[in-house]
Amino acid sequence: MKQQFTGIYKKSGKWYLGWIEEIPGVNTQGKTLKEAKENLKDALLLIIETNRLMNKAKVGKKVLREPITISA
């Protein structure tokens, strides 16, 4: 499933900061803008994967799971 998120980047001193607008806690930094972008993609994938694993363990198998698609 293809999903789209908004990456926000800001230069702070010698570093570039990056975060995902839609998901609190997905943030990173890099020495270059390219590095910050790569790091942010990695951070987003890790957060999504971790959240899915934690929720599966927490709620078990007897739940209804379905994809939700929205257009903003």
C-alpha atoms as a PDB file:
ATOM      1  CA  MET A   1       0.000   0.000   0.000  1.00  0.00           C
ATOM      2  CA  LYS A   2       1.367   3.355  -0.992  1.00  0.00           C
ATOM      3  CA  GLN A   3       1.149   6.084   1.630  1.00  0.00           C
ATOM      4  CA  GLN A   4       2.171   9.705   1.476  1.00  0.00           C
ATOM      5  CA  PHE A   5       3.476  11.854   4.318  1.00  0.00           C
ATOM      6  CA  THR A   6       4.869  15.370   4.560  1.00  0.00           C
ATOM      7  CA  GLY A   7       8.540  15.793   5.464  1.00  0.00           C
ATOM      8  CA  ILE A   8       9.490  19.150   6.980  1.00  0.00           C
ATOM      9  CA  TYR A   9      13.138  20.251   6.970  1.00  0.00           C
ATOM     10  CA  LYS A  10      14.877  23.129   8.723  1.00  0.00           C
ATOM     11  CA  LYS A  11      18.522  24.132   8.876  1.00  0.00           C
ATOM     12  CA  SER A  12      19.754  24.656  12.428  1.00  0.00           C
ATOM     13  CA  GLY A  13      23.384  25.706  12.645  1.00  0.00           C
ATOM     14  CA  LYS A  14      25.420  23.096  10.770  1.00  0.00           C
ATOM     15  CA  TRP A  15      22.637  20.486  10.905  1.00  0.00           C
ATOM     16  CA  TYR A  16      19.423  19.850   9.021  1.00  0.00           C
ATOM     17  CA  LEU A  17      16.458  18.818  11.156  1.00  0.00           C
ATOM     18  CA  GLY A  18      13.607  16.814   9.700  1.00  0.00           C
ATOM     19  CA  TRP A  19      10.227  15.578  10.925  1.00  0.00           C
ATOM     20  CA  ILE A  20       7.003  14.116   9.605  1.00  0.00           C
ATOM     21  CA  GLU A  21       4.124  16.564   9.855  1.00  0.00           C
ATOM     22  CA  GLU A  22       1.414  13.911  10.292  1.00  0.00           C
ATOM     23  CA  ILE A  23       3.063  11.624  12.866  1.00  0.00           C
ATOM     24  CA  PRO A  24       4.448  13.002  16.138  1.00  0.00           C
ATOM     25  CA  GLY A  25       7.778  11.522  17.165  1.00  0.00           C
ATOM     26  CA  VAL A  26       9.128  10.818  13.675  1.00  0.00           C
ATOM     27  CA  ASN A  27      12.100  13.150  13.518  1.00  0.00           C
ATOM     28  CA  THR A  28      15.785  13.097  12.707  1.00  0.00           C
ATOM     29  CA  GLN A  29      18.787  15.164  11.705  1.00  0.00           C
ATOM     30  CA  GLY A  30      21.624  15.080   9.199  1.00  0.00           C
ATOM     31  CA  LYS A  31      24.755  16.976   8.283  1.00  0.00           C
ATOM     32  CA  THR A  32      23.330  17.520   4.792  1.00  0.00           C
ATOM     33  CA  LEU A  33      19.779  17.882   3.516  1.00  0.00           C
ATOM     34  CA  LYS A  34      20.192  14.632   1.584  1.00  0.00           C
ATOM     35  CA  GLU A  35      21.290  12.799   4.736  1.00  0.00           C
ATOM     36  CA  ALA A  36      18.379  14.244   6.733  1.00  0.00           C
ATOM     37  CA  LYS A  37      15.915  13.107   4.042  1.00  0.00           C
ATOM     38  CA  GLU A  38      17.339   9.578   3.997  1.00  0.00           C
ATOM     39  CA  ASN A  39      17.343   9.422   7.794  1.00  0.00           C
ATOM     40  CA  LEU A  40      13.738  10.632   7.939  1.00  0.00           C
ATOM     41  CA  LYS A  41      12.551   7.903   5.559  1.00  0.00           C
ATOM     42  CA  ASP A  42      14.319   5.307   7.707  1.00  0.00           C
ATOM     43  CA  ALA A  43      12.816   6.756  10.900  1.00  0.00           C
ATOM     44  CA  LEU A  44       9.308   6.751   9.404  1.00  0.00           C
ATOM     45  CA  LEU A  45       9.593   3.121   8.273  1.00  0.00           C
ATOM     46  CA  LEU A  46      10.883   2.045  11.688  1.00  0.00           C
ATOM     47  CA  ILE A  47       8.112   3.857  13.574  1.00  0.00           C
ATOM     48  CA  ILE A  48       5.375   2.388  11.357  1.00  0.00           C
ATOM     49  CA  GLU A  49       6.823  -1.129  11.613  1.00  0.00           C
ATOM     50  CA  THR A  50       7.250  -0.856  15.382  1.00  0.00           C
ATOM     51  CA  ASN A  51       3.723   0.505  15.887  1.00  0.00           C
ATOM     52  CA  ARG A  52       2.250  -2.358  13.863  1.00  0.00           C
ATOM     53  CA  LEU A  53       4.180  -4.988  15.817  1.00  0.00           C
ATOM     54  CA  MET A  54       3.279  -3.449  19.180  1.00  0.00           C
ATOM     55  CA  ASN A  55      -0.403  -3.219  18.274  1.00  0.00           C
ATOM     56  CA  LYS A  56      -0.552  -6.801  17.001  1.00  0.00           C
ATOM     57  CA  ALA A  57       0.957  -8.032  20.258  1.00  0.00           C
ATOM     58  CA  LYS A  58      -1.295  -5.804  22.377  1.00  0.00           C
ATOM     59  CA  VAL A  59      -4.708  -6.432  20.810  1.00  0.00           C
ATOM     60  CA  GLY A  60      -4.235  -9.979  19.572  1.00  0.00           C
ATOM     61  CA  LYS A  61      -5.805 -11.636  16.564  1.00  0.00           C
ATOM     62  CA  LYS A  62      -9.521 -11.264  17.293  1.00  0.00           C
ATOM     63  CA  VAL A  63      -9.892  -7.775  15.895  1.00  0.00           C
ATOM     64  CA  LEU A  64     -11.016  -6.350  12.594  1.00  0.00           C
ATOM     65  CA  ARG A  65      -8.164  -4.851  10.604  1.00  0.00           C
ATOM     66  CA  GLU A  66      -8.784  -2.973   7.373  1.00  0.00           C
ATOM     67  CA  PRO A  67      -6.935  -0.473   5.226  1.00  0.00           C
ATOM     68  CA  ILE A  68      -8.217   3.093   5.321  1.00  0.00           C
ATOM     69  CA  THR A  69      -7.569   5.452   2.433  1.00  0.00           C
ATOM     70  CA  ILE A  70      -8.160   9.173   2.686  1.00  0.00           C
ATOM     71  CA  SER A  71      -7.749  12.072   0.301  1.00  0.00           C
ATOM     72  CA  ALA A  72      -6.673  15.305   1.918  1.00  0.00           C
END
